[in-house]
Amino acid sequence: NASLQGIYYCPFHKDGDGEYRRESPYRKPKPGMLLAAAAEF
């Protein structure tokens, strides 16, 4: 009887492979995912 209102995720990493190999404003410790959620909700 538990639910989530959303799951925000960051699949990127500076040492990753292919298209995922990059910095991201959504990767913690940056606050991007929290800011995006606050904007959506």
PDB file of all heavy atoms in Angstrom:
ATOM      1  N   ASN A   1       0.808  -1.224   0.000  1.00  0.00           N
ATOM      2  CA  ASN A   1       0.000   0.000   0.000  1.00  0.00           C
ATOM      3  C   ASN A   1       0.839   1.272   0.000  1.00  0.00           C
ATOM      4  O   ASN A   1       0.469   2.285   0.606  1.00  0.00           O
ATOM      5  CB  ASN A   1      -0.961   0.007   1.193  1.00  0.00           C
ATOM      6  CG  ASN A   1      -1.922  -1.170   1.167  1.00  0.00           C
ATOM      7  OD1 ASN A   1      -2.559  -1.427   0.142  1.00  0.00           O
ATOM      8  ND2 ASN A   1      -2.018  -1.892   2.265  1.00  0.00           N
ATOM      9  N   ALA A   2       1.969   1.228  -0.692  1.00  0.00           N
ATOM     10  CA  ALA A   2       2.852   2.387  -0.806  1.00  0.00           C
ATOM     11  C   ALA A   2       2.991   2.766  -2.273  1.00  0.00           C
ATOM     12  O   ALA A   2       2.916   1.908  -3.163  1.00  0.00           O
ATOM     13  CB  ALA A   2       4.222   2.076  -0.209  1.00  0.00           C
ATOM     14  N   SER A   3       3.195   4.056  -2.523  1.00  0.00           N
ATOM     15  CA  SER A   3       3.338   4.519  -3.905  1.00  0.00           C
ATOM     16  C   SER A   3       4.336   5.657  -3.991  1.00  0.00           C
ATOM     17  O   SER A   3       4.604   6.348  -3.004  1.00  0.00           O
ATOM     18  CB  SER A   3       1.982   4.977  -4.465  1.00  0.00           C
ATOM     19  OG  SER A   3       1.525   6.127  -3.769  1.00  0.00           O
ATOM     20  N   LEU A   4       4.864   5.833  -5.199  1.00  0.00           N
ATOM     21  CA  LEU A   4       5.775   6.935  -5.502  1.00  0.00           C
ATOM     22  C   LEU A   4       5.079   7.875  -6.472  1.00  0.00           C
ATOM     23  O   LEU A   4       4.317   7.442  -7.339  1.00  0.00           O
ATOM     24  CB  LEU A   4       7.063   6.408  -6.127  1.00  0.00           C
ATOM     25  CG  LEU A   4       7.854   5.393  -5.317  1.00  0.00           C
ATOM     26  CD1 LEU A   4       8.995   4.820  -6.166  1.00  0.00           C
ATOM     27  CD2 LEU A   4       8.410   6.018  -4.042  1.00  0.00           C
ATOM     28  N   GLN A   5       5.351   9.167  -6.332  1.00  0.00           N
ATOM     29  CA  GLN A   5       4.776  10.126  -7.263  1.00  0.00           C
ATOM     30  C   GLN A   5       5.642  10.319  -8.504  1.00  0.00           C
ATOM     31  O   GLN A   5       5.211  10.929  -9.477  1.00  0.00           O
ATOM     32  CB  GLN A   5       4.533  11.469  -6.555  1.00  0.00           C
ATOM     33  CG  GLN A   5       3.225  11.516  -5.775  1.00  0.00           C
ATOM     34  CD  GLN A   5       3.081  10.389  -4.782  1.00  0.00           C
ATOM     35  OE1 GLN A   5       3.783  10.334  -3.783  1.00  0.00           O
ATOM     36  NE2 GLN A   5       2.172   9.454  -5.064  1.00  0.00           N
ATOM     37  N   GLY A   6       6.835   9.779  -8.484  1.00  0.00           N
ATOM     38  CA  GLY A   6       7.687   9.855  -9.655  1.00  0.00           C
ATOM     39  C   GLY A   6       9.074   9.320  -9.359  1.00  0.00           C
ATOM     40  O   GLY A   6       9.506   9.286  -8.207  1.00  0.00           O
ATOM     41  N   ILE A   7       9.750   8.879 -10.402  1.00  0.00           N
ATOM     42  CA  ILE A   7      11.143   8.421 -10.307  1.00  0.00           C
ATOM     43  C   ILE A   7      11.948   9.208 -11.333  1.00  0.00           C
ATOM     44  O   ILE A   7      11.723   9.094 -12.549  1.00  0.00           O
ATOM     45  CB  ILE A   7      11.277   6.919 -10.595  1.00  0.00           C
ATOM     46  CG1 ILE A   7      10.426   6.097  -9.609  1.00  0.00           C
ATOM     47  CG2 ILE A   7      12.753   6.496 -10.531  1.00  0.00           C
ATOM     48  CD1 ILE A   7      10.363   4.620  -9.955  1.00  0.00           C
ATOM     49  N   TYR A   8      12.856  10.029 -10.862  1.00  0.00           N
ATOM     50  CA  TYR A   8      13.769  10.787 -11.718  1.00  0.00           C
ATOM     51  C   TYR A   8      15.133  10.110 -11.649  1.00  0.00           C
ATOM     52  O   TYR A   8      15.595   9.749 -10.567  1.00  0.00           O
ATOM     53  CB  TYR A   8      13.860  12.237 -11.240  1.00  0.00           C
ATOM     54  CG  TYR A   8      12.583  13.023 -11.440  1.00  0.00           C
ATOM     55  CD1 TYR A   8      11.485  12.819 -10.615  1.00  0.00           C
ATOM     56  CD2 TYR A   8      12.475  13.973 -12.452  1.00  0.00           C
ATOM     57  CE1 TYR A   8      10.298  13.522 -10.800  1.00  0.00           C
ATOM     58  CE2 TYR A   8      11.294  14.692 -12.646  1.00  0.00           C
ATOM     59  CZ  TYR A   8      10.212  14.453 -11.813  1.00  0.00           C
ATOM     60  OH  TYR A   8       9.047  15.153 -11.993  1.00  0.00           O
ATOM     61  N   TYR A   9      15.755   9.929 -12.805  1.00  0.00           N
ATOM     62  CA  TYR A   9      17.029   9.219 -12.809  1.00  0.00           C
ATOM     63  C   TYR A   9      18.004   9.875 -13.774  1.00  0.00           C
ATOM     64  O   TYR A   9      17.622  10.524 -14.752  1.00  0.00           O
ATOM     65  CB  TYR A   9      16.834   7.743 -13.168  1.00  0.00           C
ATOM     66  CG  TYR A   9      16.415   7.486 -14.610  1.00  0.00           C
ATOM     67  CD1 TYR A   9      17.357   7.180 -15.593  1.00  0.00           C
ATOM     68  CD2 TYR A   9      15.078   7.546 -14.983  1.00  0.00           C
ATOM     69  CE1 TYR A   9      16.982   6.941 -16.904  1.00  0.00           C
ATOM     70  CE2 TYR A   9      14.685   7.314 -16.289  1.00  0.00           C
ATOM     71  CZ  TYR A   9      15.639   7.003 -17.247  1.00  0.00           C
ATOM     72  OH  TYR A   9      15.259   6.773 -18.554  1.00  0.00           O
ATOM     73  N   CYS A  10      19.286   9.701 -13.484  1.00  0.00           N
ATOM     74  CA  CYS A  10      20.343  10.216 -14.355  1.00  0.00           C
ATOM     75  C   CYS A  10      21.209   9.055 -14.818  1.00  0.00           C
ATOM     76  O   CYS A  10      21.915   8.455 -13.996  1.00  0.00           O
ATOM     77  CB  CYS A  10      21.192  11.259 -13.634  1.00  0.00           C
ATOM     78  SG  CYS A  10      22.507  11.913 -14.702  1.00  0.00           S
ATOM     79  N   PRO A  11      21.178   8.708 -16.104  1.00  0.00           N
ATOM     80  CA  PRO A  11      21.958   7.574 -16.610  1.00  0.00           C
ATOM     81  C   PRO A  11      23.350   7.947 -17.105  1.00  0.00           C
ATOM     82  O   PRO A  11      24.079   7.081 -17.596  1.00  0.00           O
ATOM     83  CB  PRO A  11      21.100   7.091 -17.776  1.00  0.00           C
ATOM     84  CG  PRO A  11      20.539   8.364 -18.346  1.00  0.00           C
ATOM     85  CD  PRO A  11      20.305   9.272 -17.151  1.00  0.00           C
ATOM     86  N   PHE A  12      23.722   9.214 -16.969  1.00  0.00           N
ATOM     87  CA  PHE A  12      24.966   9.700 -17.561  1.00  0.00           C
ATOM     88  C   PHE A  12      26.132   9.648 -16.578  1.00  0.00           C
ATOM     89  O   PHE A  12      25.954   9.717 -15.365  1.00  0.00           O
ATOM     90  CB  PHE A  12      24.786  11.135 -18.061  1.00  0.00           C
ATOM     91  CG  PHE A  12      23.649  11.282 -19.023  1.00  0.00           C
ATOM     92  CD1 PHE A  12      22.454  11.880 -18.633  1.00  0.00           C
ATOM     93  CD2 PHE A  12      23.759  10.813 -20.323  1.00  0.00           C
ATOM     94  CE1 PHE A  12      21.396  12.016 -19.514  1.00  0.00           C
ATOM     95  CE2 PHE A  12      22.700  10.937 -21.222  1.00  0.00           C
ATOM     96  CZ  PHE A  12      21.514  11.531 -20.812  1.00  0.00           C
ATOM     97  N   HIS A  13      27.335   9.556 -17.130  1.00  0.00           N
ATOM     98  CA  HIS A  13      28.559   9.611 -16.317  1.00  0.00           C
ATOM     99  C   HIS A  13      29.707  10.027 -17.218  1.00  0.00           C
ATOM    100  O   HIS A  13      29.782   9.607 -18.383  1.00  0.00           O
ATOM    101  CB  HIS A  13      28.860   8.256 -15.670  1.00  0.00           C
ATOM    102  CG  HIS A  13      29.896   8.341 -14.594  1.00  0.00           C
ATOM    103  ND1 HIS A  13      31.242   8.336 -14.869  1.00  0.00           N
ATOM    104  CD2 HIS A  13      29.781   8.437 -13.246  1.00  0.00           C
ATOM    105  CE1 HIS A  13      31.923   8.424 -13.729  1.00  0.00           C
ATOM    106  NE2 HIS A  13      31.048   8.486 -12.731  1.00  0.00           N
ATOM    107  N   LYS A  14      30.595  10.820 -16.687  1.00  0.00           N
ATOM    108  CA  LYS A  14      31.712  11.332 -17.498  1.00  0.00           C
ATOM    109  C   LYS A  14      32.635  10.230 -17.985  1.00  0.00           C
ATOM    110  O   LYS A  14      33.355  10.405 -18.977  1.00  0.00           O
ATOM    111  CB  LYS A  14      32.508  12.361 -16.711  1.00  0.00           C
ATOM    112  CG  LYS A  14      33.170  11.855 -15.458  1.00  0.00           C
ATOM    113  CD  LYS A  14      33.899  12.969 -14.717  1.00  0.00           C
ATOM    114  CE  LYS A  14      34.540  12.488 -13.439  1.00  0.00           C
ATOM    115  NZ  LYS A  14      35.574  11.467 -13.665  1.00  0.00           N
ATOM    116  N   ASP A  15      32.621   9.067 -17.329  1.00  0.00           N
ATOM    117  CA  ASP A  15      33.446   7.941 -17.759  1.00  0.00           C
ATOM    118  C   ASP A  15      32.613   6.835 -18.390  1.00  0.00           C
ATOM    119  O   ASP A  15      33.042   5.681 -18.468  1.00  0.00           O
ATOM    120  CB  ASP A  15      34.221   7.371 -16.560  1.00  0.00           C
ATOM    121  CG  ASP A  15      35.193   8.381 -15.976  1.00  0.00           C
ATOM    122  OD1 ASP A  15      35.784   9.148 -16.760  1.00  0.00           O
ATOM    123  OD2 ASP A  15      35.342   8.414 -14.740  1.00  0.00           O
ATOM    124  N   GLY A  16      31.409   7.174 -18.844  1.00  0.00           N
ATOM    125  CA  GLY A  16      30.509   6.181 -19.416  1.00  0.00           C
ATOM    126  C   GLY A  16      30.836   5.852 -20.862  1.00  0.00           C
ATOM    127  O   GLY A  16      31.858   6.270 -21.412  1.00  0.00           O
ATOM    128  N   ASP A  17      29.913   5.104 -21.479  1.00  0.00           N
ATOM    129  CA  ASP A  17      30.095   4.649 -22.856  1.00  0.00           C
ATOM    130  C   ASP A  17      29.150   5.390 -23.798  1.00  0.00           C
ATOM    131  O   ASP A  17      28.023   5.723 -23.434  1.00  0.00           O
ATOM    132  CB  ASP A  17      29.794   3.143 -22.964  1.00  0.00           C
ATOM    133  CG  ASP A  17      30.709   2.300 -22.102  1.00  0.00           C
ATOM    134  OD1 ASP A  17      31.873   2.685 -21.918  1.00  0.00           O
ATOM    135  OD2 ASP A  17      30.248   1.246 -21.604  1.00  0.00           O
ATOM    136  N   GLY A  18      29.627   5.650 -25.006  1.00  0.00           N
ATOM    137  CA  GLY A  18      28.781   6.180 -26.069  1.00  0.00           C
ATOM    138  C   GLY A  18      28.062   7.459 -25.707  1.00  0.00           C
ATOM    139  O   GLY A  18      28.641   8.393 -25.148  1.00  0.00           O
ATOM    140  N   GLU A  19      26.766   7.497 -26.019  1.00  0.00           N
ATOM    141  CA  GLU A  19      25.967   8.708 -25.806  1.00  0.00           C
ATOM    142  C   GLU A  19      25.812   9.075 -24.340  1.00  0.00           C
ATOM    143  O   GLU A  19      25.445  10.196 -24.002  1.00  0.00           O
ATOM    144  CB  GLU A  19      24.576   8.533 -26.428  1.00  0.00           C
ATOM    145  CG  GLU A  19      23.753   7.434 -25.779  1.00  0.00           C
ATOM    146  CD  GLU A  19      22.398   7.256 -26.414  1.00  0.00           C
ATOM    147  OE1 GLU A  19      21.621   8.234 -26.427  1.00  0.00           O
ATOM    148  OE2 GLU A  19      22.121   6.148 -26.916  1.00  0.00           O
ATOM    149  N   TYR A  20      26.097   8.129 -23.457  1.00  0.00           N
ATOM    150  CA  TYR A  20      25.943   8.387 -22.023  1.00  0.00           C
ATOM    151  C   TYR A  20      27.222   8.924 -21.378  1.00  0.00           C
ATOM    152  O   TYR A  20      27.235   9.211 -20.192  1.00  0.00           O
ATOM    153  CB  TYR A  20      25.524   7.096 -21.311  1.00  0.00           C
ATOM    154  CG  TYR A  20      24.170   6.596 -21.754  1.00  0.00           C
ATOM    155  CD1 TYR A  20      24.060   5.507 -22.615  1.00  0.00           C
ATOM    156  CD2 TYR A  20      23.002   7.209 -21.313  1.00  0.00           C
ATOM    157  CE1 TYR A  20      22.817   5.041 -23.023  1.00  0.00           C
ATOM    158  CE2 TYR A  20      21.754   6.754 -21.715  1.00  0.00           C
ATOM    159  CZ  TYR A  20      21.673   5.669 -22.571  1.00  0.00           C
ATOM    160  OH  TYR A  20      20.439   5.220 -22.976  1.00  0.00           O
ATOM    161  N   ARG A  21      28.259   9.075 -22.159  1.00  0.00           N
ATOM    162  CA  ARG A  21      29.544   9.543 -21.631  1.00  0.00           C
ATOM    163  C   ARG A  21      29.566  11.077 -21.619  1.00  0.00           C
ATOM    164  O   ARG A  21      29.985  11.723 -22.577  1.00  0.00           O
ATOM    165  CB  ARG A  21      30.698   9.005 -22.482  1.00  0.00           C
ATOM    166  CG  ARG A  21      32.098   9.368 -21.967  1.00  0.00           C
ATOM    167  CD  ARG A  21      33.182   8.920 -22.950  1.00  0.00           C
ATOM    168  NE  ARG A  21      34.500   9.289 -22.524  1.00  0.00           N
ATOM    169  CZ  ARG A  21      35.311   8.508 -21.804  1.00  0.00           C
ATOM    170  NH1 ARG A  21      34.901   7.300 -21.445  1.00  0.00           N
ATOM    171  NH2 ARG A  21      36.501   8.921 -21.453  1.00  0.00           N
ATOM    172  N   ARG A  22      29.080  11.644 -20.548  1.00  0.00           N
ATOM    173  CA  ARG A  22      29.096  13.105 -20.428  1.00  0.00           C
ATOM    174  C   ARG A  22      28.681  13.528 -19.027  1.00  0.00           C
ATOM    175  O   ARG A  22      28.109  12.756 -18.271  1.00  0.00           O
ATOM    176  CB  ARG A  22      28.175  13.749 -21.451  1.00  0.00           C
ATOM    177  CG  ARG A  22      26.691  13.466 -21.289  1.00  0.00           C
ATOM    178  CD  ARG A  22      25.943  14.232 -22.359  1.00  0.00           C
ATOM    179  NE  ARG A  22      24.517  14.039 -22.355  1.00  0.00           N
ATOM    180  CZ  ARG A  22      23.651  14.710 -21.596  1.00  0.00           C
ATOM    181  NH1 ARG A  22      24.096  15.611 -20.717  1.00  0.00           N
ATOM    182  NH2 ARG A  22      22.351  14.487 -21.673  1.00  0.00           N
ATOM    183  N   GLU A  23      29.011  14.758 -18.729  1.00  0.00           N
ATOM    184  CA  GLU A  23      28.525  15.367 -17.498  1.00  0.00           C
ATOM    185  C   GLU A  23      27.033  15.663 -17.662  1.00  0.00           C
ATOM    186  O   GLU A  23      26.533  15.803 -18.778  1.00  0.00           O
ATOM    187  CB  GLU A  23      29.278  16.666 -17.215  1.00  0.00           C
ATOM    188  CG  GLU A  23      30.785  16.497 -17.030  1.00  0.00           C
ATOM    189  CD  GLU A  23      31.140  16.063 -15.622  1.00  0.00           C
ATOM    190  OE1 GLU A  23      30.214  15.842 -14.811  1.00  0.00           O
ATOM    191  OE2 GLU A  23      32.342  15.936 -15.334  1.00  0.00           O
ATOM    192  N   SER A  24      26.334  15.747 -16.554  1.00  0.00           N
ATOM    193  CA  SER A  24      24.908  16.059 -16.616  1.00  0.00           C
ATOM    194  C   SER A  24      24.513  16.932 -15.433  1.00  0.00           C
ATOM    195  O   SER A  24      24.958  16.691 -14.307  1.00  0.00           O
ATOM    196  CB  SER A  24      24.069  14.777 -16.595  1.00  0.00           C
ATOM    197  OG  SER A  24      22.690  15.075 -16.434  1.00  0.00           O
ATOM    198  N   PRO A  25      23.664  17.937 -15.675  1.00  0.00           N
ATOM    199  CA  PRO A  25      23.191  18.764 -14.564  1.00  0.00           C
ATOM    200  C   PRO A  25      22.243  18.011 -13.642  1.00  0.00           C
ATOM    201  O   PRO A  25      21.861  18.519 -12.589  1.00  0.00           O
ATOM    202  CB  PRO A  25      22.466  19.909 -15.270  1.00  0.00           C
ATOM    203  CG  PRO A  25      22.024  19.332 -16.572  1.00  0.00           C
ATOM    204  CD  PRO A  25      23.107  18.371 -16.971  1.00  0.00           C
ATOM    205  N   TYR A  26      21.859  16.783 -14.040  1.00  0.00           N
ATOM    206  CA  TYR A  26      20.940  15.995 -13.228  1.00  0.00           C
ATOM    207  C   TYR A  26      21.651  14.980 -12.335  1.00  0.00           C
ATOM    208  O   TYR A  26      21.020  14.381 -11.469  1.00  0.00           O
ATOM    209  CB  TYR A  26      19.945  15.260 -14.133  1.00  0.00           C
ATOM    210  CG  TYR A  26      19.046  16.209 -14.883  1.00  0.00           C
ATOM    211  CD1 TYR A  26      19.150  16.350 -16.264  1.00  0.00           C
ATOM    212  CD2 TYR A  26      18.114  16.988 -14.217  1.00  0.00           C
ATOM    213  CE1 TYR A  26      18.331  17.239 -16.949  1.00  0.00           C
ATOM    214  CE2 TYR A  26      17.298  17.885 -14.893  1.00  0.00           C
ATOM    215  CZ  TYR A  26      17.413  17.989 -16.256  1.00  0.00           C
ATOM    216  OH  TYR A  26      16.608  18.872 -16.935  1.00  0.00           O
ATOM    217  N   ARG A  27      22.938  14.803 -12.540  1.00  0.00           N
ATOM    218  CA  ARG A  27      23.640  13.826 -11.713  1.00  0.00           C
ATOM    219  C   ARG A  27      23.971  14.434 -10.354  1.00  0.00           C
ATOM    220  O   ARG A  27      24.627  15.482 -10.275  1.00  0.00           O
ATOM    221  CB  ARG A  27      24.917  13.345 -12.415  1.00  0.00           C
ATOM    222  CG  ARG A  27      25.684  12.305 -11.586  1.00  0.00           C
ATOM    223  CD  ARG A  27      26.821  11.670 -12.371  1.00  0.00           C
ATOM    224  NE  ARG A  27      27.617  10.832 -11.482  1.00  0.00           N
ATOM    225  CZ  ARG A  27      27.286   9.602 -11.107  1.00  0.00           C
ATOM    226  NH1 ARG A  27      26.171   9.072 -11.570  1.00  0.00           N
ATOM    227  NH2 ARG A  27      28.042   8.910 -10.283  1.00  0.00           N
ATOM    228  N   LYS A  28      23.499  13.793  -9.286  1.00  0.00           N
ATOM    229  CA  LYS A  28      23.874  14.261  -7.948  1.00  0.00           C
ATOM    230  C   LYS A  28      25.391  14.165  -7.780  1.00  0.00           C
ATOM    231  O   LYS A  28      25.988  13.226  -8.288  1.00  0.00           O
ATOM    232  CB  LYS A  28      23.173  13.399  -6.893  1.00  0.00           C
ATOM    233  CG  LYS A  28      21.644  13.535  -6.878  1.00  0.00           C
ATOM    234  CD  LYS A  28      20.993  12.611  -5.854  1.00  0.00           C
ATOM    235  CE  LYS A  28      21.106  11.162  -6.257  1.00  0.00           C
ATOM    236  NZ  LYS A  28      20.425  10.229  -5.339  1.00  0.00           N
ATOM    237  N   PRO A  29      26.032  15.146  -7.157  1.00  0.00           N
ATOM    238  CA  PRO A  29      25.498  16.102  -6.184  1.00  0.00           C
ATOM    239  C   PRO A  29      24.838  17.352  -6.767  1.00  0.00           C
ATOM    240  O   PRO A  29      24.444  18.226  -5.999  1.00  0.00           O
ATOM    241  CB  PRO A  29      26.732  16.485  -5.384  1.00  0.00           C
ATOM    242  CG  PRO A  29      27.851  16.417  -6.373  1.00  0.00           C
ATOM    243  CD  PRO A  29      27.512  15.215  -7.232  1.00  0.00           C
ATOM    244  N   LYS A  30      24.747  17.464  -8.087  1.00  0.00           N
ATOM    245  CA  LYS A  30      24.024  18.601  -8.652  1.00  0.00           C
ATOM    246  C   LYS A  30      22.527  18.431  -8.342  1.00  0.00           C
ATOM    247  O   LYS A  30      22.033  17.310  -8.233  1.00  0.00           O
ATOM    248  CB  LYS A  30      24.278  18.704 -10.152  1.00  0.00           C
ATOM    249  CG  LYS A  30      25.741  19.010 -10.480  1.00  0.00           C
ATOM    250  CD  LYS A  30      25.984  19.044 -11.974  1.00  0.00           C
ATOM    251  CE  LYS A  30      27.454  19.324 -12.287  1.00  0.00           C
ATOM    252  NZ  LYS A  30      27.734  19.297 -13.746  1.00  0.00           N
ATOM    253  N   PRO A  31      21.804  19.527  -8.234  1.00  0.00           N
ATOM    254  CA  PRO A  31      20.413  19.452  -7.783  1.00  0.00           C
ATOM    255  C   PRO A  31      19.381  19.313  -8.899  1.00  0.00           C
ATOM    256  O   PRO A  31      18.181  19.414  -8.650  1.00  0.00           O
ATOM    257  CB  PRO A  31      20.229  20.793  -7.064  1.00  0.00           C
ATOM    258  CG  PRO A  31      21.070  21.739  -7.875  1.00  0.00           C
ATOM    259  CD  PRO A  31      22.288  20.927  -8.291  1.00  0.00           C
ATOM    260  N   GLY A  32      19.826  19.056 -10.133  1.00  0.00           N
ATOM    261  CA  GLY A  32      18.926  19.121 -11.277  1.00  0.00           C
ATOM    262  C   GLY A  32      17.667  18.287 -11.165  1.00  0.00           C
ATOM    263  O   GLY A  32      16.577  18.729 -11.547  1.00  0.00           O
ATOM    264  N   MET A  33      17.769  17.051 -10.658  1.00  0.00           N
ATOM    265  CA  MET A  33      16.579  16.207 -10.577  1.00  0.00           C
ATOM    266  C   MET A  33      15.569  16.776  -9.595  1.00  0.00           C
ATOM    267  O   MET A  33      14.348  16.740  -9.839  1.00  0.00           O
ATOM    268  CB  MET A  33      16.963  14.772 -10.193  1.00  0.00           C
ATOM    269  CG  MET A  33      17.638  13.998 -11.309  1.00  0.00           C
ATOM    270  SD  MET A  33      17.885  12.239 -10.938  1.00  0.00           S
ATOM    271  CE  MET A  33      19.257  12.304  -9.769  1.00  0.00           C
ATOM    272  N   LEU A  34      16.033  17.311  -8.472  1.00  0.00           N
ATOM    273  CA  LEU A  34      15.123  17.896  -7.496  1.00  0.00           C
ATOM    274  C   LEU A  34      14.464  19.149  -8.061  1.00  0.00           C
ATOM    275  O   LEU A  34      13.264  19.370  -7.879  1.00  0.00           O
ATOM    276  CB  LEU A  34      15.860  18.229  -6.195  1.00  0.00           C
ATOM    277  CG  LEU A  34      16.275  17.044  -5.318  1.00  0.00           C
ATOM    278  CD1 LEU A  34      17.560  16.402  -5.812  1.00  0.00           C
ATOM    279  CD2 LEU A  34      16.436  17.479  -3.870  1.00  0.00           C
ATOM    280  N   LEU A  35      15.240  19.959  -8.762  1.00  0.00           N
ATOM    281  CA  LEU A  35      14.690  21.178  -9.353  1.00  0.00           C
ATOM    282  C   LEU A  35      13.660  20.848 -10.432  1.00  0.00           C
ATOM    283  O   LEU A  35      12.622  21.501 -10.534  1.00  0.00           O
ATOM    284  CB  LEU A  35      15.812  22.028  -9.944  1.00  0.00           C
ATOM    285  CG  LEU A  35      16.888  22.520  -8.964  1.00  0.00           C
ATOM    286  CD1 LEU A  35      17.938  23.325  -9.722  1.00  0.00           C
ATOM    287  CD2 LEU A  35      16.287  23.329  -7.840  1.00  0.00           C
ATOM    288  N   ALA A  36      13.936  19.815 -11.215  1.00  0.00           N
ATOM    289  CA  ALA A  36      12.998  19.414 -12.260  1.00  0.00           C
ATOM    290  C   ALA A  36      11.692  18.916 -11.653  1.00  0.00           C
ATOM    291  O   ALA A  36      10.601  19.225 -12.150  1.00  0.00           O
ATOM    292  CB  ALA A  36      13.621  18.339 -13.141  1.00  0.00           C
ATOM    293  N   ALA A  37      11.797  18.147 -10.591  1.00  0.00           N
ATOM    294  CA  ALA A  37      10.592  17.641  -9.926  1.00  0.00           C
ATOM    295  C   ALA A  37       9.784  18.790  -9.330  1.00  0.00           C
ATOM    296  O   ALA A  37       8.552  18.818  -9.427  1.00  0.00           O
ATOM    297  CB  ALA A  37      10.972  16.640  -8.847  1.00  0.00           C
ATOM    298  N   ALA A  38      10.479  19.745  -8.723  1.00  0.00           N
ATOM    299  CA  ALA A  38       9.783  20.891  -8.130  1.00  0.00           C
ATOM    300  C   ALA A  38       9.077  21.715  -9.191  1.00  0.00           C
ATOM    301  O   ALA A  38       8.012  22.290  -8.941  1.00  0.00           O
ATOM    302  CB  ALA A  38      10.768  21.757  -7.359  1.00  0.00           C
ATOM    303  N   ALA A  39       9.642  21.764 -10.397  1.00  0.00           N
ATOM    304  CA  ALA A  39       9.016  22.497 -11.488  1.00  0.00           C
ATOM    305  C   ALA A  39       7.803  21.757 -12.038  1.00  0.00           C
ATOM    306  O   ALA A  39       6.830  22.375 -12.473  1.00  0.00           O
ATOM    307  CB  ALA A  39      10.031  22.740 -12.605  1.00  0.00           C
ATOM    308  N   GLU A  40       7.862  20.429 -12.011  1.00  0.00           N
ATOM    309  CA  GLU A  40       6.759  19.626 -12.560  1.00  0.00           C
ATOM    310  C   GLU A  40       5.610  19.490 -11.572  1.00  0.00           C
ATOM    311  O   GLU A  40       4.445  19.482 -11.961  1.00  0.00           O
ATOM    312  CB  GLU A  40       7.278  18.241 -12.952  1.00  0.00           C
ATOM    313  CG  GLU A  40       6.231  17.371 -13.613  1.00  0.00           C
ATOM    314  CD  GLU A  40       6.826  16.203 -14.378  1.00  0.00           C
ATOM    315  OE1 GLU A  40       8.048  15.973 -14.269  1.00  0.00           O
ATOM    316  OE2 GLU A  40       6.071  15.520 -15.093  1.00  0.00           O
ATOM    317  N   PHE A  41       5.947  19.360 -10.308  1.00  0.00           N
ATOM    318  CA  PHE A  41       4.945  19.284  -9.256  1.00  0.00           C
ATOM    319  C   PHE A  41       4.884  20.637  -8.536  1.00  0.00           C
ATOM    320  O   PHE A  41       5.701  21.511  -8.763  1.00  0.00           O
ATOM    321  CB  PHE A  41       5.301  18.185  -8.252  1.00  0.00           C
ATOM    322  CG  PHE A  41       5.235  16.793  -8.821  1.00  0.00           C
ATOM    323  CD1 PHE A  41       6.352  16.218  -9.406  1.00  0.00           C
ATOM    324  CD2 PHE A  41       4.062  16.063  -8.756  1.00  0.00           C
ATOM    325  CE1 PHE A  41       6.301  14.937  -9.936  1.00  0.00           C
ATOM    326  CE2 PHE A  41       3.992  14.783  -9.276  1.00  0.00           C
ATOM    327  CZ  PHE A  41       5.113  14.208  -9.867  1.00  0.00           C
TER     328      PHE A  41
END
